[in-house]
């Protein structure tokens, strides 16, 4: 099982250049990096990235992120993965572009 982080292109490019990230402005504000499960990712995209093109979807193995990954209640009481440390580029297993078509983000078949 993987967990997923949606990045804006500039955030992804910064992670690649710097080798690690503390996340987007909302992550910095909340004090952790927001992830979603496969089942939560489309709703996360629709809610927090509506109408935004140029997104990148990154997959990580939660078992490799260590004890600073917490599963905490959020939207509707569902448990969401939150990482309380920087994410290293080397911890990202797979990456896909997340195109916008007809107002909706198109997710790769692997996570649907």
C-alpha atoms as a PDB file:
ATOM      1  CA  UNK A   1       0.000   0.000   0.000  1.00  0.00           C
ATOM      2  CA  UNK A   2       1.200   3.499  -0.832  1.00  0.00           C
ATOM      3  CA  UNK A   3       0.184   6.916   0.395  1.00  0.00           C
ATOM      4  CA  UNK A   4       0.092   9.956  -1.869  1.00  0.00           C
ATOM      5  CA  UNK A   5       1.150  13.584  -1.789  1.00  0.00           C
ATOM      6  CA  UNK A   6      -0.116  16.090  -4.345  1.00  0.00           C
ATOM      7  CA  UNK A   7       2.429  18.741  -5.264  1.00  0.00           C
ATOM      8  CA  UNK A   8       2.178  21.859  -7.377  1.00  0.00           C
ATOM      9  CA  UNK A   9       4.843  21.693 -10.084  1.00  0.00           C
ATOM     10  CA  UNK A  10       7.019  24.343  -8.435  1.00  0.00           C
ATOM     11  CA  UNK A  11       6.858  22.488  -5.100  1.00  0.00           C
ATOM     12  CA  UNK A  12       7.878  19.236  -6.798  1.00  0.00           C
ATOM     13  CA  UNK A  13      10.715  20.960  -8.654  1.00  0.00           C
ATOM     14  CA  UNK A  14      11.952  22.460  -5.360  1.00  0.00           C
ATOM     15  CA  UNK A  15      11.893  19.010  -3.712  1.00  0.00           C
ATOM     16  CA  UNK A  16      13.932  17.575  -6.578  1.00  0.00           C
ATOM     17  CA  UNK A  17      16.431  20.434  -6.444  1.00  0.00           C
ATOM     18  CA  UNK A  18      16.807  20.503  -2.653  1.00  0.00           C
ATOM     19  CA  UNK A  19      16.435  16.788  -1.945  1.00  0.00           C
ATOM     20  CA  UNK A  20      13.792  17.266   0.732  1.00  0.00           C
ATOM     21  CA  UNK A  21      10.751  19.343   1.625  1.00  0.00           C
ATOM     22  CA  UNK A  22       8.647  20.348   4.587  1.00  0.00           C
ATOM     23  CA  UNK A  23       5.740  20.645   2.163  1.00  0.00           C
ATOM     24  CA  UNK A  24       3.433  23.287   0.795  1.00  0.00           C
ATOM     25  CA  UNK A  25       2.391  26.430   2.678  1.00  0.00           C
ATOM     26  CA  UNK A  26      -0.583  24.573   4.236  1.00  0.00           C
ATOM     27  CA  UNK A  27       1.799  21.856   5.462  1.00  0.00           C
ATOM     28  CA  UNK A  28       4.095  24.440   7.013  1.00  0.00           C
ATOM     29  CA  UNK A  29       1.102  26.139   8.650  1.00  0.00           C
ATOM     30  CA  UNK A  30      -0.252  22.863  10.067  1.00  0.00           C
ATOM     31  CA  UNK A  31       3.164  21.536  11.150  1.00  0.00           C
ATOM     32  CA  UNK A  32       3.054  18.326   9.116  1.00  0.00           C
ATOM     33  CA  UNK A  33       2.993  17.114   5.505  1.00  0.00           C
ATOM     34  CA  UNK A  34      -0.486  16.091   4.385  1.00  0.00           C
ATOM     35  CA  UNK A  35      -0.803  12.749   2.584  1.00  0.00           C
ATOM     36  CA  UNK A  36      -3.843  10.832   1.343  1.00  0.00           C
ATOM     37  CA  UNK A  37      -4.625   7.189   0.792  1.00  0.00           C
ATOM     38  CA  UNK A  38      -5.586   6.012  -2.693  1.00  0.00           C
ATOM     39  CA  UNK A  39      -9.237   6.240  -1.674  1.00  0.00           C
ATOM     40  CA  UNK A  40      -8.832   9.813  -0.395  1.00  0.00           C
ATOM     41  CA  UNK A  41      -6.618  11.304  -3.118  1.00  0.00           C
ATOM     42  CA  UNK A  42      -9.297  12.294  -5.652  1.00  0.00           C
ATOM     43  CA  UNK A  43     -11.360  14.071  -3.001  1.00  0.00           C
ATOM     44  CA  UNK A  44      -8.233  15.817  -1.719  1.00  0.00           C
ATOM     45  CA  UNK A  45      -7.477  17.035  -5.247  1.00  0.00           C
ATOM     46  CA  UNK A  46     -11.046  18.253  -5.771  1.00  0.00           C
ATOM     47  CA  UNK A  47     -11.211  20.008  -2.406  1.00  0.00           C
ATOM     48  CA  UNK A  48      -7.751  21.580  -2.151  1.00  0.00           C
ATOM     49  CA  UNK A  49      -6.574  21.819  -5.789  1.00  0.00           C
ATOM     50  CA  UNK A  50      -9.799  22.527  -7.699  1.00  0.00           C
ATOM     51  CA  UNK A  51      -9.100  23.897 -11.160  1.00  0.00           C
ATOM     52  CA  UNK A  52      -5.321  23.734 -10.732  1.00  0.00           C
ATOM     53  CA  UNK A  53      -3.347  22.233 -13.575  1.00  0.00           C
ATOM     54  CA  UNK A  54       0.301  21.202 -13.521  1.00  0.00           C
ATOM     55  CA  UNK A  55       0.049  19.003 -10.436  1.00  0.00           C
ATOM     56  CA  UNK A  56       2.292  16.069  -9.571  1.00  0.00           C
ATOM     57  CA  UNK A  57       1.213  12.979  -7.638  1.00  0.00           C
ATOM     58  CA  UNK A  58       3.926  11.276  -5.581  1.00  0.00           C
ATOM     59  CA  UNK A  59       3.647   7.845  -3.965  1.00  0.00           C
ATOM     60  CA  UNK A  60       5.462   6.820  -0.789  1.00  0.00           C
ATOM     61  CA  UNK A  61       5.532   3.626   1.247  1.00  0.00           C
ATOM     62  CA  UNK A  62       4.155   4.486   4.691  1.00  0.00           C
ATOM     63  CA  UNK A  63       6.198   1.697   6.285  1.00  0.00           C
ATOM     64  CA  UNK A  64       9.392   3.414   5.101  1.00  0.00           C
ATOM     65  CA  UNK A  65       8.497   6.813   6.591  1.00  0.00           C
ATOM     66  CA  UNK A  66       9.081   5.753  10.178  1.00  0.00           C
ATOM     67  CA  UNK A  67       7.448   6.671  13.435  1.00  0.00           C
ATOM     68  CA  UNK A  68       7.000  10.348  12.502  1.00  0.00           C
ATOM     69  CA  UNK A  69       4.077   9.298  10.273  1.00  0.00           C
ATOM     70  CA  UNK A  70       0.785   9.500  12.175  1.00  0.00           C
ATOM     71  CA  UNK A  71      -2.700   8.451  11.089  1.00  0.00           C
ATOM     72  CA  UNK A  72      -5.036  11.141  12.375  1.00  0.00           C
ATOM     73  CA  UNK A  73      -8.744  11.908  11.959  1.00  0.00           C
ATOM     74  CA  UNK A  74      -9.589  14.638   9.493  1.00  0.00           C
ATOM     75  CA  UNK A  75     -12.320  15.045   6.859  1.00  0.00           C
ATOM     76  CA  UNK A  76     -15.414  13.265   8.150  1.00  0.00           C
ATOM     77  CA  UNK A  77     -13.407  11.498  10.837  1.00  0.00           C
ATOM     78  CA  UNK A  78     -11.418   9.452   8.299  1.00  0.00           C
ATOM     79  CA  UNK A  79      -7.810   8.716   9.207  1.00  0.00           C
ATOM     80  CA  UNK A  80      -5.294  10.596   7.081  1.00  0.00           C
ATOM     81  CA  UNK A  81      -1.514  10.075   7.042  1.00  0.00           C
ATOM     82  CA  UNK A  82       0.461  13.074   8.337  1.00  0.00           C
ATOM     83  CA  UNK A  83       4.261  13.223   8.263  1.00  0.00           C
ATOM     84  CA  UNK A  84       5.858  15.226  11.089  1.00  0.00           C
ATOM     85  CA  UNK A  85       9.250  15.691   9.457  1.00  0.00           C
ATOM     86  CA  UNK A  86      10.785  16.564   6.110  1.00  0.00           C
ATOM     87  CA  UNK A  87      10.107  14.253   3.182  1.00  0.00           C
ATOM     88  CA  UNK A  88      13.219  13.214   1.256  1.00  0.00           C
ATOM     89  CA  UNK A  89      13.104  12.853  -2.526  1.00  0.00           C
ATOM     90  CA  UNK A  90      14.598   9.383  -2.116  1.00  0.00           C
ATOM     91  CA  UNK A  91      11.468   8.330  -0.186  1.00  0.00           C
ATOM     92  CA  UNK A  92       9.233   8.949  -3.208  1.00  0.00           C
ATOM     93  CA  UNK A  93       8.686   5.648  -5.004  1.00  0.00           C
ATOM     94  CA  UNK A  94       6.643   6.760  -8.018  1.00  0.00           C
ATOM     95  CA  UNK A  95       5.587  10.030  -9.613  1.00  0.00           C
ATOM     96  CA  UNK A  96       2.852  10.884 -12.106  1.00  0.00           C
ATOM     97  CA  UNK A  97       1.584  14.057 -13.696  1.00  0.00           C
ATOM     98  CA  UNK A  98      -1.950  14.793 -12.537  1.00  0.00           C
ATOM     99  CA  UNK A  99      -3.608  16.451 -15.528  1.00  0.00           C
ATOM    100  CA  UNK A 100      -6.818  18.429 -15.389  1.00  0.00           C
ATOM    101  CA  UNK A 101      -9.464  17.334 -17.915  1.00  0.00           C
ATOM    102  CA  UNK A 102     -12.966  18.759 -18.030  1.00  0.00           C
ATOM    103  CA  UNK A 103     -12.415  20.317 -14.620  1.00  0.00           C
ATOM    104  CA  UNK A 104     -11.354  17.067 -12.897  1.00  0.00           C
ATOM    105  CA  UNK A 105      -7.940  15.648 -12.114  1.00  0.00           C
ATOM    106  CA  UNK A 106      -7.129  12.423 -13.927  1.00  0.00           C
ATOM    107  CA  UNK A 107      -5.446   9.900 -11.647  1.00  0.00           C
ATOM    108  CA  UNK A 108      -3.252   7.054 -12.857  1.00  0.00           C
ATOM    109  CA  UNK A 109      -4.951   3.679 -13.169  1.00  0.00           C
ATOM    110  CA  UNK A 110      -2.563   2.224 -10.574  1.00  0.00           C
ATOM    111  CA  UNK A 111      -4.263   4.025  -7.691  1.00  0.00           C
ATOM    112  CA  UNK A 112      -7.902   3.935  -8.694  1.00  0.00           C
END
